[in-house]
Amino acid sequence: MLNENLTNSATMNPEKSELVITRTFNAPRELVFKVWTEPEHLKHWWGPKGFALDINKFELRPDGIFHYRMRSEDGHEMWGKFIYREIISPEKLVFINSFSDEEGNTVRAPFSPIWPLEILNTLTLSENEGKTTITLRGGPINASEEERKRFVEEFESMKQGFGGTFDQLHDYLAMA
């Protein structure tokens, strides 16, 4: 039975402008990888708490896209996308995450004109005794010094945001 997330930590490396989040789930690695890589699962847990996720396009392959809309209960919408770079089932995903418009074009974040346009993320999954530890490493690419600084300033907010998203993943895995 899936019941407790065993560890949950985040570290910040301001010198590298990198946020690292680690979380352990009481679920096998194949299942955790599956819910990260299949749209029928992603729509149930990806994104901030209180937002519904609609998937516009999903292509799990190198240079493929996951293009989605997040909609709050009060109707606020944000579009985002992943561009997949590397997929090694069930142990690794590398993707660039960006805000986008409805057509999938990369756009500035709605909350900051100096938020980096592209964040390179590497997700690794390891299994030990039926429990899966995910490590998500993310940092800006092709970014100005001002954008990198803004990213570092928001580490605490991102830690909280991913914590909520990973809480939703925890709950979803308990039902899967």
N, C-alpha and C. Protein backbone atom coordinates (compact mmCIF):
# COMPACT_ATOMS: atom_id res chain seq x y z
N MET A 1 0.84 -1.18 0.00
CA MET A 1 0.00 0.00 0.00
C MET A 1 0.88 1.25 0.00
N LEU A 2 0.50 2.21 -0.78
CA LEU A 2 1.24 3.47 -0.84
C LEU A 2 0.67 4.39 0.22
N ASN A 3 1.53 4.85 1.12
CA ASN A 3 0.98 5.71 2.15
C ASN A 3 1.86 6.90 2.49
N GLU A 4 3.14 6.74 2.62
CA GLU A 4 3.99 7.84 3.07
C GLU A 4 5.09 8.10 2.06
N ASN A 5 5.33 9.37 1.80
CA ASN A 5 6.55 9.72 1.10
C ASN A 5 7.65 9.67 2.14
N LEU A 6 8.73 8.99 1.82
CA LEU A 6 9.73 8.70 2.83
C LEU A 6 10.73 9.83 3.02
N THR A 7 11.07 10.52 1.95
CA THR A 7 11.95 11.66 2.10
C THR A 7 11.46 12.76 1.17
N ASN A 8 11.80 13.97 1.53
CA ASN A 8 11.44 15.11 0.71
C ASN A 8 12.46 16.18 1.02
N SER A 9 13.30 16.49 0.05
CA SER A 9 14.30 17.51 0.32
C SER A 9 14.54 18.35 -0.93
N ALA A 10 15.02 19.52 -0.70
CA ALA A 10 15.40 20.40 -1.80
C ALA A 10 16.69 21.09 -1.40
N THR A 11 17.58 21.21 -2.37
CA THR A 11 18.81 21.94 -2.14
C THR A 11 18.94 22.98 -3.23
N MET A 12 19.67 24.00 -2.92
CA MET A 12 19.86 25.07 -3.87
C MET A 12 21.34 25.24 -4.10
N ASN A 13 21.73 25.43 -5.33
CA ASN A 13 23.11 25.69 -5.66
C ASN A 13 23.15 27.00 -6.44
N PRO A 14 23.19 28.14 -5.72
CA PRO A 14 23.15 29.43 -6.41
C PRO A 14 24.29 29.63 -7.40
N GLU A 15 25.48 29.06 -7.13
CA GLU A 15 26.59 29.23 -8.05
C GLU A 15 26.27 28.63 -9.42
N LYS A 16 25.56 27.53 -9.43
CA LYS A 16 25.18 26.89 -10.69
C LYS A 16 23.77 27.27 -11.13
N SER A 17 23.09 28.11 -10.36
CA SER A 17 21.69 28.46 -10.63
C SER A 17 20.86 27.19 -10.78
N GLU A 18 21.04 26.25 -9.87
CA GLU A 18 20.39 24.95 -9.98
C GLU A 18 19.59 24.63 -8.72
N LEU A 19 18.36 24.21 -8.93
CA LEU A 19 17.50 23.73 -7.87
C LEU A 19 17.47 22.21 -7.97
N VAL A 20 17.65 21.53 -6.84
CA VAL A 20 17.63 20.06 -6.82
C VAL A 20 16.58 19.64 -5.80
N ILE A 21 15.62 18.86 -6.26
CA ILE A 21 14.55 18.37 -5.39
C ILE A 21 14.59 16.84 -5.42
N THR A 22 14.57 16.24 -4.24
CA THR A 22 14.59 14.79 -4.11
C THR A 22 13.38 14.37 -3.29
N ARG A 23 12.73 13.34 -3.77
CA ARG A 23 11.56 12.83 -3.04
C ARG A 23 11.48 11.33 -3.25
N THR A 24 11.13 10.60 -2.21
CA THR A 24 10.99 9.15 -2.30
C THR A 24 9.52 8.78 -2.16
N PHE A 25 9.10 7.88 -3.04
CA PHE A 25 7.72 7.40 -3.06
C PHE A 25 7.71 5.90 -2.80
N ASN A 26 6.69 5.45 -2.13
CA ASN A 26 6.52 4.03 -1.85
C ASN A 26 5.81 3.39 -3.05
N ALA A 27 6.53 3.36 -4.17
CA ALA A 27 5.98 2.81 -5.42
C ALA A 27 7.14 2.33 -6.28
N PRO A 28 6.92 1.32 -7.10
CA PRO A 28 8.00 0.83 -7.97
C PRO A 28 8.37 1.87 -9.05
N ARG A 29 9.64 1.84 -9.45
CA ARG A 29 10.16 2.79 -10.42
C ARG A 29 9.39 2.77 -11.74
N GLU A 30 9.02 1.60 -12.22
CA GLU A 30 8.30 1.52 -13.49
C GLU A 30 6.99 2.28 -13.43
N LEU A 31 6.28 2.19 -12.30
CA LEU A 31 5.02 2.92 -12.14
C LEU A 31 5.27 4.43 -12.07
N VAL A 32 6.26 4.85 -11.32
CA VAL A 32 6.55 6.28 -11.21
C VAL A 32 6.94 6.83 -12.58
N PHE A 33 7.77 6.11 -13.32
CA PHE A 33 8.15 6.56 -14.66
C PHE A 33 6.91 6.64 -15.57
N LYS A 34 6.04 5.66 -15.47
CA LYS A 34 4.83 5.63 -16.29
C LYS A 34 3.95 6.86 -16.05
N VAL A 35 3.78 7.25 -14.78
CA VAL A 35 2.91 8.40 -14.51
C VAL A 35 3.55 9.72 -14.91
N TRP A 36 4.88 9.72 -15.12
CA TRP A 36 5.58 10.90 -15.65
C TRP A 36 5.54 10.95 -17.18
N THR A 37 5.24 9.83 -17.83
CA THR A 37 5.42 9.76 -19.28
C THR A 37 4.18 9.38 -20.06
N GLU A 38 3.04 9.32 -19.43
CA GLU A 38 1.80 9.00 -20.14
C GLU A 38 0.76 10.08 -19.82
N PRO A 39 0.19 10.70 -20.87
CA PRO A 39 -0.72 11.82 -20.65
C PRO A 39 -1.94 11.49 -19.80
N GLU A 40 -2.45 10.27 -19.89
CA GLU A 40 -3.62 9.93 -19.10
C GLU A 40 -3.31 9.93 -17.60
N HIS A 41 -2.04 9.86 -17.24
CA HIS A 41 -1.65 9.97 -15.83
C HIS A 41 -1.25 11.40 -15.47
N LEU A 42 -0.45 12.04 -16.32
CA LEU A 42 0.03 13.40 -16.04
C LEU A 42 -1.10 14.37 -15.74
N LYS A 43 -2.20 14.23 -16.45
CA LYS A 43 -3.29 15.19 -16.29
C LYS A 43 -3.91 15.16 -14.90
N HIS A 44 -3.61 14.12 -14.13
CA HIS A 44 -4.19 13.99 -12.79
C HIS A 44 -3.32 14.57 -11.68
N TRP A 45 -2.05 14.89 -11.99
CA TRP A 45 -1.20 15.35 -10.88
C TRP A 45 -0.23 16.48 -11.23
N TRP A 46 0.10 16.69 -12.50
CA TRP A 46 1.11 17.70 -12.83
C TRP A 46 0.54 19.11 -12.66
N GLY A 47 1.31 19.98 -12.04
CA GLY A 47 0.94 21.39 -11.92
C GLY A 47 0.59 21.79 -10.50
N PRO A 48 0.33 23.07 -10.32
CA PRO A 48 0.02 23.57 -8.98
C PRO A 48 -1.29 23.01 -8.45
N LYS A 49 -1.38 22.92 -7.13
CA LYS A 49 -2.63 22.48 -6.51
C LYS A 49 -3.74 23.44 -6.91
N GLY A 50 -4.92 22.89 -7.16
CA GLY A 50 -6.07 23.71 -7.51
C GLY A 50 -6.18 24.04 -8.99
N PHE A 51 -5.25 23.54 -9.80
CA PHE A 51 -5.29 23.78 -11.24
C PHE A 51 -5.66 22.50 -11.97
N ALA A 52 -6.49 22.64 -13.00
CA ALA A 52 -6.80 21.51 -13.88
C ALA A 52 -5.80 21.55 -15.03
N LEU A 53 -5.42 20.39 -15.52
CA LEU A 53 -4.45 20.29 -16.61
C LEU A 53 -5.14 19.73 -17.84
N ASP A 54 -5.02 20.47 -18.94
CA ASP A 54 -5.49 20.00 -20.24
C ASP A 54 -4.27 19.82 -21.13
N ILE A 55 -4.18 18.67 -21.76
CA ILE A 55 -3.03 18.37 -22.60
C ILE A 55 -3.39 18.64 -24.05
N ASN A 56 -2.65 19.54 -24.67
CA ASN A 56 -2.88 19.91 -26.06
C ASN A 56 -2.12 18.98 -27.01
N LYS A 57 -0.91 18.61 -26.63
CA LYS A 57 -0.07 17.75 -27.48
C LYS A 57 0.88 16.98 -26.58
N PHE A 58 1.11 15.71 -26.93
CA PHE A 58 2.03 14.91 -26.15
C PHE A 58 2.78 13.96 -27.07
N GLU A 59 4.10 14.15 -27.16
CA GLU A 59 4.96 13.30 -27.99
C GLU A 59 6.19 12.92 -27.15
N LEU A 60 6.16 11.73 -26.59
CA LEU A 60 7.28 11.27 -25.76
C LEU A 60 8.35 10.66 -26.66
N ARG A 61 9.26 11.53 -27.11
CA ARG A 61 10.41 11.14 -27.93
C ARG A 61 11.38 12.30 -27.90
N PRO A 62 12.65 12.06 -28.20
CA PRO A 62 13.58 13.19 -28.28
C PRO A 62 13.05 14.24 -29.27
N ASP A 63 13.08 15.50 -28.85
CA ASP A 63 12.53 16.65 -29.57
C ASP A 63 11.00 16.65 -29.63
N GLY A 64 10.36 15.72 -28.93
CA GLY A 64 8.90 15.72 -28.83
C GLY A 64 8.45 16.75 -27.80
N ILE A 65 7.15 17.05 -27.84
CA ILE A 65 6.61 18.11 -26.99
C ILE A 65 5.47 17.59 -26.11
N PHE A 66 5.43 18.12 -24.92
CA PHE A 66 4.29 17.99 -24.02
C PHE A 66 3.81 19.43 -23.86
N HIS A 67 2.70 19.77 -24.50
CA HIS A 67 2.16 21.13 -24.49
C HIS A 67 0.84 21.09 -23.72
N TYR A 68 0.72 21.94 -22.72
CA TYR A 68 -0.41 21.84 -21.80
C TYR A 68 -0.91 23.21 -21.36
N ARG A 69 -2.15 23.19 -20.88
CA ARG A 69 -2.76 24.38 -20.29
C ARG A 69 -3.13 24.05 -18.85
N MET A 70 -2.79 24.95 -17.95
CA MET A 70 -3.20 24.83 -16.56
C MET A 70 -4.26 25.90 -16.32
N ARG A 71 -5.36 25.48 -15.70
CA ARG A 71 -6.49 26.40 -15.48
C ARG A 71 -6.90 26.34 -14.01
N SER A 72 -6.93 27.52 -13.36
CA SER A 72 -7.33 27.57 -11.95
C SER A 72 -8.85 27.51 -11.85
N GLU A 73 -9.33 27.30 -10.64
CA GLU A 73 -10.77 27.22 -10.41
C GLU A 73 -11.47 28.53 -10.77
N ASP A 74 -10.75 29.66 -10.66
CA ASP A 74 -11.36 30.95 -11.02
C ASP A 74 -11.15 31.33 -12.48
N GLY A 75 -10.63 30.39 -13.28
CA GLY A 75 -10.52 30.60 -14.72
C GLY A 75 -9.20 31.14 -15.22
N HIS A 76 -8.24 31.40 -14.34
CA HIS A 76 -6.92 31.88 -14.77
C HIS A 76 -6.21 30.76 -15.54
N GLU A 77 -5.65 31.08 -16.70
CA GLU A 77 -4.97 30.08 -17.53
C GLU A 77 -3.50 30.41 -17.70
N MET A 78 -2.68 29.36 -17.73
CA MET A 78 -1.27 29.46 -18.09
C MET A 78 -0.96 28.27 -18.99
N TRP A 79 -0.17 28.54 -20.02
CA TRP A 79 0.26 27.48 -20.92
C TRP A 79 1.73 27.18 -20.66
N GLY A 80 2.10 25.93 -20.84
CA GLY A 80 3.49 25.53 -20.67
C GLY A 80 3.83 24.39 -21.61
N LYS A 81 5.11 24.08 -21.66
CA LYS A 81 5.54 22.97 -22.51
C LYS A 81 6.85 22.39 -22.02
N PHE A 82 7.03 21.13 -22.33
CA PHE A 82 8.31 20.43 -22.20
C PHE A 82 8.75 20.12 -23.61
N ILE A 83 10.02 20.23 -23.87
CA ILE A 83 10.62 19.66 -25.07
C ILE A 83 11.57 18.58 -24.56
N TYR A 84 11.25 17.33 -24.90
CA TYR A 84 12.05 16.21 -24.40
C TYR A 84 13.39 16.14 -25.14
N ARG A 85 14.45 15.91 -24.39
CA ARG A 85 15.80 15.78 -24.95
C ARG A 85 16.30 14.35 -24.86
N GLU A 86 16.02 13.69 -23.74
CA GLU A 86 16.52 12.33 -23.54
C GLU A 86 15.50 11.56 -22.73
N ILE A 87 15.26 10.31 -23.14
CA ILE A 87 14.31 9.44 -22.44
C ILE A 87 14.96 8.08 -22.30
N ILE A 88 15.23 7.67 -21.08
CA ILE A 88 15.78 6.35 -20.81
C ILE A 88 14.84 5.69 -19.81
N SER A 89 13.97 4.84 -20.30
CA SER A 89 12.96 4.19 -19.47
C SER A 89 13.62 3.09 -18.64
N PRO A 90 13.28 2.99 -17.39
CA PRO A 90 12.49 3.84 -16.51
C PRO A 90 13.36 4.70 -15.58
N GLU A 91 14.51 5.15 -16.08
CA GLU A 91 15.44 5.78 -15.14
C GLU A 91 15.74 7.26 -15.35
N LYS A 92 15.40 7.83 -16.51
CA LYS A 92 15.81 9.22 -16.72
C LYS A 92 14.96 9.92 -17.78
N LEU A 93 14.64 11.19 -17.49
CA LEU A 93 14.01 12.10 -18.47
C LEU A 93 14.79 13.41 -18.43
N VAL A 94 15.13 13.93 -19.59
CA VAL A 94 15.73 15.25 -19.68
C VAL A 94 14.82 16.07 -20.58
N PHE A 95 14.43 17.26 -20.10
CA PHE A 95 13.50 18.09 -20.86
C PHE A 95 13.71 19.56 -20.55
N ILE A 96 13.37 20.38 -21.53
CA ILE A 96 13.38 21.83 -21.34
C ILE A 96 11.94 22.24 -21.06
N ASN A 97 11.75 22.98 -19.98
CA ASN A 97 10.43 23.45 -19.58
C ASN A 97 10.36 24.96 -19.82
N SER A 98 9.24 25.39 -20.41
CA SER A 98 9.03 26.81 -20.71
C SER A 98 7.56 27.15 -20.55
N PHE A 99 7.30 28.43 -20.36
CA PHE A 99 5.94 28.91 -20.52
C PHE A 99 5.70 29.06 -22.01
N SER A 100 4.44 28.95 -22.42
CA SER A 100 4.14 29.05 -23.86
C SER A 100 2.81 29.74 -24.06
N ASP A 101 2.51 29.99 -25.32
CA ASP A 101 1.18 30.46 -25.67
C ASP A 101 0.37 29.26 -26.17
N GLU A 102 -0.85 29.51 -26.61
CA GLU A 102 -1.73 28.42 -27.06
C GLU A 102 -1.16 27.63 -28.23
N GLU A 103 -0.33 28.28 -29.04
CA GLU A 103 0.25 27.61 -30.22
C GLU A 103 1.53 26.85 -29.88
N GLY A 104 2.02 27.00 -28.67
CA GLY A 104 3.24 26.30 -28.27
C GLY A 104 4.51 27.12 -28.43
N ASN A 105 4.38 28.39 -28.76
CA ASN A 105 5.56 29.26 -28.84
C ASN A 105 6.03 29.61 -27.43
N THR A 106 7.32 29.64 -27.23
CA THR A 106 7.89 30.00 -25.94
C THR A 106 7.62 31.48 -25.67
N VAL A 107 7.12 31.76 -24.46
CA VAL A 107 6.82 33.14 -24.06
C VAL A 107 7.36 33.38 -22.65
N ARG A 108 7.39 34.64 -22.27
CA ARG A 108 7.80 35.01 -20.92
C ARG A 108 6.78 34.52 -19.90
N ALA A 109 7.26 34.25 -18.71
CA ALA A 109 6.38 33.86 -17.61
C ALA A 109 5.41 34.99 -17.31
N PRO A 110 4.16 34.68 -16.99
CA PRO A 110 3.18 35.72 -16.71
C PRO A 110 3.47 36.52 -15.44
N PHE A 111 4.33 36.00 -14.58
CA PHE A 111 4.59 36.64 -13.30
C PHE A 111 5.90 37.43 -13.26
N SER A 112 6.74 37.36 -14.32
CA SER A 112 8.01 38.08 -14.27
C SER A 112 8.59 38.28 -15.66
N PRO A 113 8.92 39.52 -16.00
CA PRO A 113 9.54 39.78 -17.30
C PRO A 113 11.01 39.35 -17.36
N ILE A 114 11.58 38.95 -16.22
CA ILE A 114 12.98 38.51 -16.23
C ILE A 114 13.13 37.06 -15.79
N TRP A 115 12.04 36.30 -15.83
CA TRP A 115 12.13 34.86 -15.56
C TRP A 115 12.80 34.21 -16.77
N PRO A 116 13.72 33.26 -16.57
CA PRO A 116 14.36 32.61 -17.72
C PRO A 116 13.34 31.98 -18.66
N LEU A 117 13.59 32.09 -19.95
CA LEU A 117 12.68 31.50 -20.93
C LEU A 117 12.71 29.98 -20.92
N GLU A 118 13.88 29.40 -20.64
CA GLU A 118 14.02 27.95 -20.70
C GLU A 118 14.72 27.42 -19.45
N ILE A 119 14.16 26.35 -18.90
CA ILE A 119 14.74 25.67 -17.74
C ILE A 119 15.04 24.24 -18.19
N LEU A 120 16.30 23.84 -18.08
CA LEU A 120 16.68 22.47 -18.40
C LEU A 120 16.52 21.63 -17.14
N ASN A 121 15.74 20.56 -17.25
CA ASN A 121 15.45 19.67 -16.12
C ASN A 121 15.95 18.27 -16.42
N THR A 122 16.55 17.66 -15.42
CA THR A 122 16.94 16.25 -15.51
C THR A 122 16.27 15.53 -14.35
N LEU A 123 15.43 14.57 -14.68
CA LEU A 123 14.72 13.76 -13.70
C LEU A 123 15.35 12.37 -13.71
N THR A 124 15.84 11.93 -12.55
CA THR A 124 16.36 10.57 -12.45
C THR A 124 15.52 9.82 -11.43
N LEU A 125 15.35 8.53 -11.70
CA LEU A 125 14.56 7.66 -10.84
C LEU A 125 15.41 6.46 -10.45
N SER A 126 15.49 6.20 -9.16
CA SER A 126 16.20 5.02 -8.69
C SER A 126 15.28 4.25 -7.74
N GLU A 127 15.45 2.93 -7.74
CA GLU A 127 14.58 2.10 -6.91
C GLU A 127 15.40 1.33 -5.90
N ASN A 128 14.86 1.24 -4.70
CA ASN A 128 15.47 0.44 -3.64
C ASN A 128 14.36 -0.18 -2.83
N GLU A 129 14.31 -1.50 -2.84
CA GLU A 129 13.32 -2.26 -2.08
C GLU A 129 11.90 -1.81 -2.38
N GLY A 130 11.59 -1.58 -3.66
CA GLY A 130 10.24 -1.23 -4.08
C GLY A 130 9.86 0.22 -3.90
N LYS A 131 10.78 1.03 -3.42
CA LYS A 131 10.54 2.47 -3.25
C LYS A 131 11.36 3.22 -4.30
N THR A 132 10.79 4.28 -4.83
CA THR A 132 11.45 5.03 -5.88
C THR A 132 11.82 6.42 -5.39
N THR A 133 13.07 6.76 -5.59
CA THR A 133 13.55 8.11 -5.30
C THR A 133 13.71 8.85 -6.62
N ILE A 134 13.03 9.99 -6.70
CA ILE A 134 13.21 10.85 -7.87
C ILE A 134 14.08 12.04 -7.45
N THR A 135 14.94 12.43 -8.37
CA THR A 135 15.74 13.64 -8.18
C THR A 135 15.52 14.49 -9.41
N LEU A 136 15.03 15.69 -9.18
CA LEU A 136 14.79 16.65 -10.26
C LEU A 136 15.80 17.78 -10.10
N ARG A 137 16.65 17.93 -11.12
CA ARG A 137 17.64 19.00 -11.15
C ARG A 137 17.22 19.96 -12.24
N GLY A 138 17.12 21.24 -11.92
CA GLY A 138 16.69 22.21 -12.92
C GLY A 138 17.43 23.52 -12.81
N GLY A 139 17.72 24.10 -13.97
CA GLY A 139 18.35 25.40 -14.01
C GLY A 139 18.19 26.05 -15.36
N PRO A 140 18.30 27.38 -15.40
CA PRO A 140 18.11 28.10 -16.66
C PRO A 140 19.21 27.83 -17.67
N ILE A 141 18.82 27.84 -18.93
CA ILE A 141 19.79 27.76 -20.03
C ILE A 141 19.55 28.95 -20.94
N ASN A 142 20.59 29.32 -21.67
CA ASN A 142 20.49 30.46 -22.60
C ASN A 142 19.93 31.69 -21.88
N ALA A 143 20.35 31.89 -20.63
CA ALA A 143 19.78 32.95 -19.80
C ALA A 143 20.80 34.04 -19.52
N SER A 144 20.29 35.25 -19.34
CA SER A 144 21.14 36.37 -18.94
C SER A 144 21.48 36.24 -17.46
N GLU A 145 22.45 37.01 -17.01
CA GLU A 145 22.80 37.02 -15.59
C GLU A 145 21.60 37.48 -14.75
N GLU A 146 20.84 38.44 -15.24
CA GLU A 146 19.65 38.93 -14.54
C GLU A 146 18.60 37.82 -14.40
N GLU A 147 18.42 37.04 -15.46
CA GLU A 147 17.46 35.92 -15.42
C GLU A 147 17.93 34.83 -14.46
N ARG A 148 19.22 34.53 -14.47
CA ARG A 148 19.76 33.53 -13.53
C ARG A 148 19.57 33.99 -12.08
N LYS A 149 19.82 35.25 -11.84
CA LYS A 149 19.65 35.80 -10.49
C LYS A 149 18.19 35.69 -10.05
N ARG A 150 17.26 36.01 -10.94
CA ARG A 150 15.83 35.91 -10.62
C ARG A 150 15.46 34.47 -10.29
N PHE A 151 15.99 33.52 -11.05
CA PHE A 151 15.73 32.10 -10.80
C PHE A 151 16.20 31.72 -9.39
N VAL A 152 17.39 32.12 -9.02
CA VAL A 152 17.93 31.81 -7.70
C VAL A 152 17.07 32.46 -6.61
N GLU A 153 16.62 33.69 -6.84
CA GLU A 153 15.77 34.38 -5.86
C GLU A 153 14.46 33.64 -5.59
N GLU A 154 14.02 32.85 -6.54
CA GLU A 154 12.74 32.14 -6.40
C GLU A 154 12.88 30.68 -5.95
N PHE A 155 14.08 30.28 -5.50
CA PHE A 155 14.27 28.90 -5.06
C PHE A 155 13.23 28.47 -4.04
N GLU A 156 12.98 29.27 -3.03
CA GLU A 156 12.05 28.88 -1.97
C GLU A 156 10.63 28.70 -2.53
N SER A 157 10.21 29.60 -3.39
CA SER A 157 8.89 29.50 -4.01
C SER A 157 8.79 28.25 -4.88
N MET A 158 9.84 27.96 -5.65
CA MET A 158 9.83 26.75 -6.50
C MET A 158 9.81 25.49 -5.64
N LYS A 159 10.55 25.51 -4.55
CA LYS A 159 10.56 24.37 -3.64
C LYS A 159 9.15 24.10 -3.14
N GLN A 160 8.43 25.14 -2.75
CA GLN A 160 7.06 24.98 -2.28
C GLN A 160 6.14 24.50 -3.41
N GLY A 161 6.31 25.07 -4.60
CA GLY A 161 5.48 24.69 -5.74
C GLY A 161 5.67 23.23 -6.13
N PHE A 162 6.93 22.81 -6.23
CA PHE A 162 7.18 21.40 -6.55
C PHE A 162 6.74 20.50 -5.41
N GLY A 163 6.85 20.98 -4.18
CA GLY A 163 6.36 20.18 -3.05
C GLY A 163 4.89 19.88 -3.20
N GLY A 164 4.10 20.89 -3.58
CA GLY A 164 2.66 20.68 -3.80
C GLY A 164 2.39 19.74 -4.96
N THR A 165 3.13 19.91 -6.05
CA THR A 165 2.97 19.03 -7.21
C THR A 165 3.32 17.59 -6.83
N PHE A 166 4.42 17.43 -6.10
CA PHE A 166 4.83 16.08 -5.71
C PHE A 166 3.89 15.49 -4.66
N ASP A 167 3.24 16.33 -3.87
CA ASP A 167 2.19 15.82 -2.98
C ASP A 167 1.05 15.23 -3.82
N GLN A 168 0.70 15.91 -4.89
CA GLN A 168 -0.35 15.40 -5.79
C GLN A 168 0.09 14.10 -6.45
N LEU A 169 1.38 14.01 -6.84
CA LEU A 169 1.90 12.77 -7.40
C LEU A 169 1.82 11.65 -6.34
N HIS A 170 2.18 11.94 -5.12
CA HIS A 170 2.09 10.97 -4.04
C HIS A 170 0.66 10.43 -3.92
N ASP A 171 -0.31 11.35 -3.88
CA ASP A 171 -1.72 10.95 -3.76
C ASP A 171 -2.17 10.13 -4.97
N TYR A 172 -1.72 10.54 -6.15
CA TYR A 172 -2.12 9.81 -7.36
C TYR A 172 -1.51 8.41 -7.38
N LEU A 173 -0.26 8.29 -6.99
CA LEU A 173 0.37 6.96 -6.95
C LEU A 173 -0.36 6.05 -5.96
N ALA A 174 -0.91 6.60 -4.91
CA ALA A 174 -1.64 5.79 -3.94
C ALA A 174 -2.91 5.19 -4.55
N MET A 175 -3.42 5.84 -5.61
CA MET A 175 -4.65 5.34 -6.27
C MET A 175 -4.33 4.51 -7.51
N ALA A 176 -3.11 4.61 -8.03
CA ALA A 176 -2.77 3.96 -9.31
C ALA A 176 -2.62 2.45 -9.15
